[in-house]
PDB file of N, CA and C in Angstrom:
ATOM      1  N   MET A   1       8.436   2.652  27.542  1.00  0.00           N
ATOM      2  CA  MET A   1       7.533   4.147  26.610  1.00  0.00           C
ATOM      3  C   MET A   1       6.190   3.339  26.244  1.00  0.00           C
ATOM      4  N   CYS A   2       6.268   1.431  25.625  1.00  0.00           N
ATOM      5  CA  CYS A   2       5.244   1.307  25.419  1.00  0.00           C
ATOM      6  C   CYS A   2       3.985   0.637  26.447  1.00  0.00           C
ATOM      7  N   ARG A   3       4.429   0.606  27.749  1.00  0.00           N
ATOM      8  CA  ARG A   3       3.954   0.049  28.941  1.00  0.00           C
ATOM      9  C   ARG A   3       2.938   0.655  29.426  1.00  0.00           C
ATOM     10  N   LYS A   4       3.590   2.546  29.043  1.00  0.00           N
ATOM     11  CA  LYS A   4       2.720   3.714  29.905  1.00  0.00           C
ATOM     12  C   LYS A   4       1.256   3.411  28.580  1.00  0.00           C
ATOM     13  N   ALA A   5       1.434   3.157  27.134  1.00  0.00           N
ATOM     14  CA  ALA A   5       0.358   3.479  26.365  1.00  0.00           C
ATOM     15  C   ALA A   5      -0.104   1.949  26.406  1.00  0.00           C
ATOM     16  N   PRO A   6      -0.595   1.240  27.052  1.00  0.00           N
ATOM     17  CA  PRO A   6      -1.139  -0.252  26.641  1.00  0.00           C
ATOM     18  C   PRO A   6      -1.830  -0.234  25.137  1.00  0.00           C
ATOM     19  N   GLY A   7      -2.660   0.585  24.536  1.00  0.00           N
ATOM     20  CA  GLY A   7      -2.942   0.416  23.361  1.00  0.00           C
ATOM     21  C   GLY A   7      -2.357   0.645  22.074  1.00  0.00           C
ATOM     22  N   TYR A   8      -0.908   0.950  22.810  1.00  0.00           N
ATOM     23  CA  TYR A   8      -0.198   1.140  21.326  1.00  0.00           C
ATOM     24  C   TYR A   8       0.389   0.239  20.168  1.00  0.00           C
ATOM     25  N   TRP A   9       0.691  -1.013  20.943  1.00  0.00           N
ATOM     26  CA  TRP A   9       0.415  -2.444  19.873  1.00  0.00           C
ATOM     27  C   TRP A   9      -0.617  -2.505  19.132  1.00  0.00           C
ATOM     28  N   ARG A  10      -1.840  -2.571  19.607  1.00  0.00           N
ATOM     29  CA  ARG A  10      -3.121  -3.002  19.567  1.00  0.00           C
ATOM     30  C   ARG A  10      -3.391  -1.936  18.128  1.00  0.00           C
ATOM     31  N   SER A  11      -3.100  -0.353  18.474  1.00  0.00           N
ATOM     32  CA  SER A  11      -3.333   0.171  17.188  1.00  0.00           C
ATOM     33  C   SER A  11      -2.464   0.257  15.686  1.00  0.00           C
ATOM     34  N   LEU A  12      -1.155  -0.507  15.909  1.00  0.00           N
ATOM     35  CA  LEU A  12      -0.401  -0.591  14.631  1.00  0.00           C
ATOM     36  C   LEU A  12      -0.580  -1.763  14.227  1.00  0.00           C
ATOM     37  N   GLY A  13      -1.748  -2.277  14.312  1.00  0.00           N
ATOM     38  CA  GLY A  13      -2.427  -3.665  13.213  1.00  0.00           C
ATOM     39  C   GLY A  13      -1.536  -4.760  12.932  1.00  0.00           C
ATOM     40  N   GLU A  14      -1.157  -5.356  12.235  1.00  0.00           N
ATOM     41  CA  GLU A  14      -0.698  -7.013  11.817  1.00  0.00           C
ATOM     42  C   GLU A  14       0.637  -6.085  11.160  1.00  0.00           C
ATOM     43  N   PRO A  15       1.615  -7.038  11.852  1.00  0.00           N
ATOM     44  CA  PRO A  15       3.081  -6.507  11.430  1.00  0.00           C
ATOM     45  C   PRO A  15       3.558  -6.951   9.961  1.00  0.00           C
ATOM     46  N   LYS A  16       4.165  -5.325   9.809  1.00  0.00           N
ATOM     47  CA  LYS A  16       4.944  -6.048   8.148  1.00  0.00           C
ATOM     48  C   LYS A  16       6.404  -6.360   7.947  1.00  0.00           C
ATOM     49  N   ILE A  17       7.273  -5.481   9.442  1.00  0.00           N
ATOM     50  CA  ILE A  17       8.222  -5.779   9.124  1.00  0.00           C
ATOM     51  C   ILE A  17       9.108  -6.265  10.560  1.00  0.00           C
ATOM     52  N   ILE A  18       9.770  -7.449  11.015  1.00  0.00           N
ATOM     53  CA  ILE A  18       9.985  -7.945  11.834  1.00  0.00           C
ATOM     54  C   ILE A  18      11.537  -8.159  11.875  1.00  0.00           C
ATOM     55  N   HIS A  19      12.126  -7.202  13.160  1.00  0.00           N
ATOM     56  CA  HIS A  19      13.561  -6.883  13.555  1.00  0.00           C
ATOM     57  C   HIS A  19      14.251  -8.123  14.045  1.00  0.00           C
ATOM     58  N   TYR A  20      14.835  -8.819  14.059  1.00  0.00           N
ATOM     59  CA  TYR A  20      14.929 -10.093  15.143  1.00  0.00           C
ATOM     60  C   TYR A  20      16.051  -9.282  15.716  1.00  0.00           C
ATOM     61  N   CYS A  21      16.545  -8.647  16.843  1.00  0.00           N
ATOM     62  CA  CYS A  21      17.493  -8.559  17.378  1.00  0.00           C
ATOM     63  C   CYS A  21      17.936  -9.506  19.072  1.00  0.00           C
ATOM     64  N   SER A  22      17.222 -10.244  19.191  1.00  0.00           N
ATOM     65  CA  SER A  22      17.740 -11.254  20.155  1.00  0.00           C
ATOM     66  C   SER A  22      18.072 -12.632  19.518  1.00  0.00           C
ATOM     67  N   SER A  23      18.769 -13.418  20.425  1.00  0.00           N
ATOM     68  CA  SER A  23      18.650 -14.594  20.265  1.00  0.00           C
ATOM     69  C   SER A  23      18.492 -15.477  20.789  1.00  0.00           C
ATOM     70  N   PRO A  24      18.027 -17.240  20.531  1.00  0.00           N
ATOM     71  CA  PRO A  24      18.724 -17.486  18.941  1.00  0.00           C
ATOM     72  C   PRO A  24      17.318 -16.824  17.873  1.00  0.00           C
ATOM     73  N   LYS A  25      18.144 -16.417  16.733  1.00  0.00           N
ATOM     74  CA  LYS A  25      17.600 -16.360  15.218  1.00  0.00           C
ATOM     75  C   LYS A  25      16.445 -17.121  15.003  1.00  0.00           C
ATOM     76  N   PRO A  26      15.300 -17.154  14.391  1.00  0.00           N
ATOM     77  CA  PRO A  26      15.127 -18.038  13.947  1.00  0.00           C
ATOM     78  C   PRO A  26      15.508 -18.754  12.961  1.00  0.00           C
ATOM     79  N   TRP A  27      16.135 -18.041  11.603  1.00  0.00           N
ATOM     80  CA  TRP A  27      17.032 -19.041  11.247  1.00  0.00           C
ATOM     81  C   TRP A  27      17.769 -19.798  11.538  1.00  0.00           C
ATOM     82  N   ASP A  28      18.288 -19.882  12.721  1.00  0.00           N
ATOM     83  CA  ASP A  28      19.305 -20.724  14.054  1.00  0.00           C
ATOM     84  C   ASP A  28      18.586 -22.146  14.318  1.00  0.00           C
ATOM     85  N   ARG A  29      17.267 -22.017  14.296  1.00  0.00           N
ATOM     86  CA  ARG A  29      16.647 -22.920  14.892  1.00  0.00           C
ATOM     87  C   ARG A  29      16.605 -24.455  14.030  1.00  0.00           C
ATOM     88  N   VAL A  30      16.834 -25.209  15.180  1.00  0.00           N
ATOM     89  CA  VAL A  30      16.110 -26.720  14.422  1.00  0.00           C
ATOM     90  C   VAL A  30      15.244 -27.397  15.216  1.00  0.00           C
ATOM     91  N   ASP A  31      14.980 -28.668  14.468  1.00  0.00           N
ATOM     92  CA  ASP A  31      13.638 -29.357  15.006  1.00  0.00           C
ATOM     93  C   ASP A  31      14.269 -30.277  16.150  1.00  0.00           C
ATOM     94  N   GLU A  32      13.654 -31.411  16.446  1.00  0.00           N
ATOM     95  CA  GLU A  32      14.589 -32.625  16.777  1.00  0.00           C
ATOM     96  C   GLU A  32      15.236 -33.115  15.939  1.00  0.00           C
ATOM     97  N   HIS A  33      15.071 -33.097  15.170  1.00  0.00           N
ATOM     98  CA  HIS A  33      16.300 -33.924  13.949  1.00  0.00           C
ATOM     99  C   HIS A  33      17.064 -33.189  13.286  1.00  0.00           C
ATOM    100  N   GLY A  34      17.220 -31.879  14.132  1.00  0.00           N
ATOM    101  CA  GLY A  34      18.395 -31.297  13.546  1.00  0.00           C
ATOM    102  C   GLY A  34      18.318 -30.817  11.916  1.00  0.00           C
ATOM    103  N   LYS A  35      16.831 -30.655  11.846  1.00  0.00           N
ATOM    104  CA  LYS A  35      16.558 -29.664  10.531  1.00  0.00           C
ATOM    105  C   LYS A  35      16.097 -28.332  10.992  1.00  0.00           C
ATOM    106  N   PRO A  36      16.208 -27.404   9.905  1.00  0.00           N
ATOM    107  CA  PRO A  36      15.484 -26.671   9.988  1.00  0.00           C
ATOM    108  C   PRO A  36      13.833 -26.411  10.033  1.00  0.00           C
ATOM    109  N   PRO A  37      13.228 -25.530  11.063  1.00  0.00           N
ATOM    110  CA  PRO A  37      11.721 -25.739  10.806  1.00  0.00           C
ATOM    111  C   PRO A  37      11.288 -24.782   9.306  1.00  0.00           C
ATOM    112  N   ALA A  38       9.694 -25.600   9.232  1.00  0.00           N
ATOM    113  CA  ALA A  38       9.197 -24.693   7.927  1.00  0.00           C
ATOM    114  C   ALA A  38       9.097 -23.605   7.877  1.00  0.00           C
ATOM    115  N   ARG A  39       9.570 -22.616   6.847  1.00  0.00           N
ATOM    116  CA  ARG A  39       9.067 -21.450   6.535  1.00  0.00           C
ATOM    117  C   ARG A  39       8.233 -20.384   6.750  1.00  0.00           C
ATOM    118  N   GLY A  40       7.803 -19.795   7.548  1.00  0.00           N
ATOM    119  CA  GLY A  40       6.596 -19.258   7.355  1.00  0.00           C
ATOM    120  C   GLY A  40       6.162 -18.469   5.909  1.00  0.00           C
ATOM    121  N   GLU A  41       5.414 -17.518   5.492  1.00  0.00           N
ATOM    122  CA  GLU A  41       5.148 -16.805   4.466  1.00  0.00           C
ATOM    123  C   GLU A  41       5.957 -15.493   4.785  1.00  0.00           C
ATOM    124  N   LEU A  42       6.051 -14.946   5.754  1.00  0.00           N
ATOM    125  CA  LEU A  42       6.320 -13.424   5.934  1.00  0.00           C
ATOM    126  C   LEU A  42       8.181 -13.759   5.528  1.00  0.00           C
ATOM    127  N   GLU A  43       8.395 -15.061   6.190  1.00  0.00           N
ATOM    128  CA  GLU A  43       9.909 -15.145   5.707  1.00  0.00           C
ATOM    129  C   GLU A  43      10.232 -14.981   4.234  1.00  0.00           C
ATOM    130  N   MET A  44       9.607 -16.369   3.951  1.00  0.00           N
ATOM    131  CA  MET A  44       9.420 -16.342   2.183  1.00  0.00           C
ATOM    132  C   MET A  44       9.356 -15.286   1.679  1.00  0.00           C
ATOM    133  N   VAL A  45       8.747 -14.036   2.255  1.00  0.00           N
ATOM    134  CA  VAL A  45       8.347 -12.849   1.007  1.00  0.00           C
ATOM    135  C   VAL A  45      10.098 -12.180   1.401  1.00  0.00           C
ATOM    136  N   TRP A  46      10.222 -12.315   2.306  1.00  0.00           N
ATOM    137  CA  TRP A  46      11.676 -11.365   3.118  1.00  0.00           C
ATOM    138  C   TRP A  46      12.558 -11.827   2.248  1.00  0.00           C
ATOM    139  N   TRP A  47      13.045 -13.560   2.471  1.00  0.00           N
ATOM    140  CA  TRP A  47      13.504 -14.128   1.098  1.00  0.00           C
ATOM    141  C   TRP A  47      13.427 -13.779  -0.117  1.00  0.00           C
ATOM    142  N   GLN A  48      12.575 -13.891  -0.885  1.00  0.00           N
ATOM    143  CA  GLN A  48      12.289 -13.938  -1.753  1.00  0.00           C
ATOM    144  C   GLN A  48      12.469 -11.912  -2.699  1.00  0.00           C
ATOM    145  N   CYS A  49      12.866 -11.002  -1.840  1.00  0.00           N
ATOM    146  CA  CYS A  49      12.633  -9.793  -2.096  1.00  0.00           C
ATOM    147  C   CYS A  49      14.413  -9.218  -2.002  1.00  0.00           C
ATOM    148  N   PHE A  50      15.091 -10.401  -0.785  1.00  0.00           N
ATOM    149  CA  PHE A  50      16.341 -10.047  -0.765  1.00  0.00           C
ATOM    150  C   PHE A  50      17.036 -10.299  -1.823  1.00  0.00           C
ATOM    151  N   LEU A  51      16.679 -11.812  -2.359  1.00  0.00           N
ATOM    152  CA  LEU A  51      17.192 -12.490  -3.299  1.00  0.00           C
ATOM    153  C   LEU A  51      17.051 -11.259  -4.662  1.00  0.00           C
ATOM    154  N   GLU A  52      15.851 -11.213  -4.926  1.00  0.00           N
ATOM    155  CA  GLU A  52      15.980 -10.199  -6.338  1.00  0.00           C
ATOM    156  C   GLU A  52      16.246  -9.160  -6.280  1.00  0.00           C
ATOM    157  N   PHE A  53      16.941  -8.669  -5.151  1.00  0.00           N
ATOM    158  CA  PHE A  53      17.740  -7.779  -5.432  1.00  0.00           C
ATOM    159  C   PHE A  53      19.080  -7.492  -5.235  1.00  0.00           C
ATOM    160  N   GLN A  54      19.354  -8.256  -4.594  1.00  0.00           N
ATOM    161  CA  GLN A  54      20.620  -9.592  -4.673  1.00  0.00           C
ATOM    162  C   GLN A  54      21.436  -9.973  -5.725  1.00  0.00           C
ATOM    163  N   LEU A  55      20.650  -9.963  -6.746  1.00  0.00           N
ATOM    164  CA  LEU A  55      20.800 -10.891  -8.108  1.00  0.00           C
ATOM    165  C   LEU A  55      20.352 -10.026  -9.300  1.00  0.00           C
ATOM    166  N   ALA A  56      19.812  -9.060  -9.043  1.00  0.00           N
ATOM    167  CA  ALA A  56      19.706  -7.490  -9.939  1.00  0.00           C
ATOM    168  C   ALA A  56      20.867  -7.224 -10.269  1.00  0.00           C
ATOM    169  N   PRO A  57      20.775  -6.430 -11.884  1.00  0.00           N
ATOM    170  CA  PRO A  57      22.130  -5.586 -11.684  1.00  0.00           C
ATOM    171  C   PRO A  57      22.292  -4.781 -11.267  1.00  0.00           C
ATOM    172  N   PRO A  58      23.083  -3.833 -11.417  1.00  0.00           N
ATOM    173  CA  PRO A  58      22.904  -2.860 -10.757  1.00  0.00           C
ATOM    174  C   PRO A  58      22.110  -1.617 -11.409  1.00  0.00           C
ATOM    175  N   THR A  59      22.166  -1.799 -12.676  1.00  0.00           N
ATOM    176  CA  THR A  59      21.288  -0.452 -13.781  1.00  0.00           C
ATOM    177  C   THR A  59      19.726  -1.013 -13.721  1.00  0.00           C
ATOM    178  N   ALA A  60      19.060  -2.115 -13.244  1.00  0.00           N
ATOM    179  CA  ALA A  60      17.796  -2.622 -13.540  1.00  0.00           C
ATOM    180  C   ALA A  60      17.168  -1.991 -12.246  1.00  0.00           C
ATOM    181  N   ALA A  61      16.180  -1.672 -12.671  1.00  0.00           N
ATOM    182  CA  ALA A  61      14.588  -1.113 -11.546  1.00  0.00           C
ATOM    183  C   ALA A  61      14.645  -2.227 -10.754  1.00  0.00           C
ATOM    184  N   LEU A  62      14.134  -2.352  -9.259  1.00  0.00           N
ATOM    185  CA  LEU A  62      14.366  -3.100  -8.524  1.00  0.00           C
ATOM    186  C   LEU A  62      12.040  -3.711  -8.577  1.00  0.00           C
ATOM    187  N   PRO A  63      12.476  -4.749  -8.844  1.00  0.00           N
ATOM    188  CA  PRO A  63      11.199  -5.388  -9.104  1.00  0.00           C
ATOM    189  C   PRO A  63      10.441  -4.950  -8.011  1.00  0.00           C
ATOM    190  N   LEU A  64      10.263  -4.701  -6.664  1.00  0.00           N
ATOM    191  CA  LEU A  64       9.879  -4.465  -4.990  1.00  0.00           C
ATOM    192  C   LEU A  64       8.816  -3.439  -5.059  1.00  0.00           C
ATOM    193  N   THR A  65       8.155  -2.905  -6.681  1.00  0.00           N
ATOM    194  CA  THR A  65       7.406  -2.058  -6.372  1.00  0.00           C
ATOM    195  C   THR A  65       5.566  -2.926  -6.722  1.00  0.00           C
ATOM    196  N   ARG A  66       5.927  -4.592  -6.964  1.00  0.00           N
ATOM    197  CA  ARG A  66       5.084  -5.632  -6.990  1.00  0.00           C
ATOM    198  C   ARG A  66       4.759  -5.797  -5.655  1.00  0.00           C
ATOM    199  N   ALA A  67       5.900  -5.936  -4.825  1.00  0.00           N
ATOM    200  CA  ALA A  67       5.640  -7.266  -3.698  1.00  0.00           C
ATOM    201  C   ALA A  67       5.423  -5.705  -2.411  1.00  0.00           C
ATOM    202  N   VAL A  68       6.138  -5.315  -2.558  1.00  0.00           N
ATOM    203  CA  VAL A  68       5.581  -3.515  -1.487  1.00  0.00           C
ATOM    204  C   VAL A  68       5.033  -2.287  -2.080  1.00  0.00           C
ATOM    205  N   PRO A  69       4.107  -2.410  -3.036  1.00  0.00           N
ATOM    206  CA  PRO A  69       3.870  -0.821  -3.292  1.00  0.00           C
ATOM    207  C   PRO A  69       3.272   0.294  -2.227  1.00  0.00           C
ATOM    208  N   ARG A  70       3.014  -0.291  -0.769  1.00  0.00           N
ATOM    209  CA  ARG A  70       3.191   0.703  -0.251  1.00  0.00           C
ATOM    210  C   ARG A  70       4.111   1.813   0.177  1.00  0.00           C
ATOM    211  N   LEU A  71       5.188   1.024   0.498  1.00  0.00           N
ATOM    212  CA  LEU A  71       6.208   1.080   0.647  1.00  0.00           C
ATOM    213  C   LEU A  71       7.112   1.794   0.096  1.00  0.00           C
ATOM    214  N   VAL A  72       7.492   1.669  -1.168  1.00  0.00           N
ATOM    215  CA  VAL A  72       8.257   1.501  -2.568  1.00  0.00           C
ATOM    216  C   VAL A  72       7.470   3.271  -2.631  1.00  0.00           C
ATOM    217  N   SER A  73       5.851   3.481  -2.569  1.00  0.00           N
ATOM    218  CA  SER A  73       5.639   4.773  -3.102  1.00  0.00           C
ATOM    219  C   SER A  73       5.698   6.049  -2.030  1.00  0.00           C
ATOM    220  N   SER A  74       5.610   5.341  -0.476  1.00  0.00           N
ATOM    221  CA  SER A  74       5.506   6.132   0.344  1.00  0.00           C
ATOM    222  C   SER A  74       7.307   7.202   0.522  1.00  0.00           C
ATOM    223  N   VAL A  75       7.666   6.126   0.216  1.00  0.00           N
ATOM    224  CA  VAL A  75       9.478   6.236   0.051  1.00  0.00           C
ATOM    225  C   VAL A  75       9.952   7.023  -1.255  1.00  0.00           C
ATOM    226  N   GLN A  76       9.110   7.007  -1.912  1.00  0.00           N
ATOM    227  CA  GLN A  76       9.659   7.710  -3.570  1.00  0.00           C
ATOM    228  C   GLN A  76       8.996   9.098  -3.325  1.00  0.00           C
ATOM    229  N   GLU A  77       7.900   9.401  -2.872  1.00  0.00           N
ATOM    230  CA  GLU A  77       6.847  10.016  -3.263  1.00  0.00           C
ATOM    231  C   GLU A  77       7.539  11.632  -2.193  1.00  0.00           C
ATOM    232  N   PRO A  78       7.850  11.443  -1.330  1.00  0.00           N
ATOM    233  CA  PRO A  78       8.258  12.626  -0.314  1.00  0.00           C
ATOM    234  C   PRO A  78       9.691  12.873  -1.349  1.00  0.00           C
ATOM    235  N   ARG A  79      10.738  12.184  -1.822  1.00  0.00           N
ATOM    236  CA  ARG A  79      11.926  12.062  -2.160  1.00  0.00           C
ATOM    237  C   ARG A  79      11.483  13.457  -3.603  1.00  0.00           C
ATOM    238  N   GLU A  80      11.107  12.657  -4.163  1.00  0.00           N
ATOM    239  CA  GLU A  80      10.811  12.909  -5.668  1.00  0.00           C
ATOM    240  C   GLU A  80      10.075  14.734  -5.530  1.00  0.00           C
ATOM    241  N   GLN A  81       9.156  14.753  -4.579  1.00  0.00           N
ATOM    242  CA  GLN A  81       8.944  16.327  -3.976  1.00  0.00           C
ATOM    243  C   GLN A  81      10.365  17.044  -4.097  1.00  0.00           C
ATOM    244  N   ALA A  82      11.026  16.434  -3.022  1.00  0.00           N
ATOM    245  CA  ALA A  82      11.984  17.371  -3.167  1.00  0.00           C
ATOM    246  C   ALA A  82      12.943  17.974  -3.731  1.00  0.00           C
ATOM    247  N   LEU A  83      13.567  16.895  -4.928  1.00  0.00           N
ATOM    248  CA  LEU A  83      13.748  17.337  -5.733  1.00  0.00           C
ATOM    249  C   LEU A  83      14.241  18.323  -6.428  1.00  0.00           C
ATOM    250  N   PRO A  84      13.086  19.084  -6.913  1.00  0.00           N
ATOM    251  CA  PRO A  84      12.868  19.717  -7.669  1.00  0.00           C
ATOM    252  C   PRO A  84      13.112  21.165  -6.702  1.00  0.00           C
ATOM    253  N   ALA A  85      12.355  21.329  -5.545  1.00  0.00           N
ATOM    254  CA  ALA A  85      13.024  22.124  -4.535  1.00  0.00           C
ATOM    255  C   ALA A  85      14.420  22.577  -4.499  1.00  0.00           C
ATOM    256  N   ALA A  86      15.127  21.602  -4.420  1.00  0.00           N
ATOM    257  CA  ALA A  86      16.512  21.658  -4.703  1.00  0.00           C
ATOM    258  C   ALA A  86      16.979  22.146  -5.205  1.00  0.00           C
ATOM    259  N   ARG A  87      16.642  21.465  -7.053  1.00  0.00           N
ATOM    260  CA  ARG A  87      17.388  22.592  -7.925  1.00  0.00           C
ATOM    261  C   ARG A  87      16.577  23.440  -7.975  1.00  0.00           C
ATOM    262  N   ASP A  88      15.810  24.274  -7.476  1.00  0.00           N
ATOM    263  CA  ASP A  88      15.255  25.657  -7.868  1.00  0.00           C
ATOM    264  C   ASP A  88      16.212  26.415  -6.477  1.00  0.00           C
ATOM    265  N   ALA A  89      16.644  25.849  -5.680  1.00  0.00           N
ATOM    266  CA  ALA A  89      17.443  26.882  -4.333  1.00  0.00           C
ATOM    267  C   ALA A  89      18.679  27.028  -5.119  1.00  0.00           C
ATOM    268  N   GLN A  90      19.420  26.126  -6.143  1.00  0.00           N
ATOM    269  CA  GLN A  90      20.269  26.449  -6.390  1.00  0.00           C
ATOM    270  C   GLN A  90      21.205  27.528  -7.370  1.00  0.00           C
TER     271      GLN A  90
END
């Protein structure tokens, strides 16, 4: 799919989310001393968001709106617009 459109990857810009489907996973790597390598900034942001979500009380608002404003707003806006229409249809 992407091989036929070589400009595809260039048009995406800098990656925001990385999914590791192959092995070894980045978190399974070790250096020559058996210690994990230093973590990158993207991985640290992922861990921070993951831990905040896991440790938050079930009724608490997610603190992710500070860290990922575009993602949260793009997900919530269409849903908020769809809810009144669904209520009117009933």
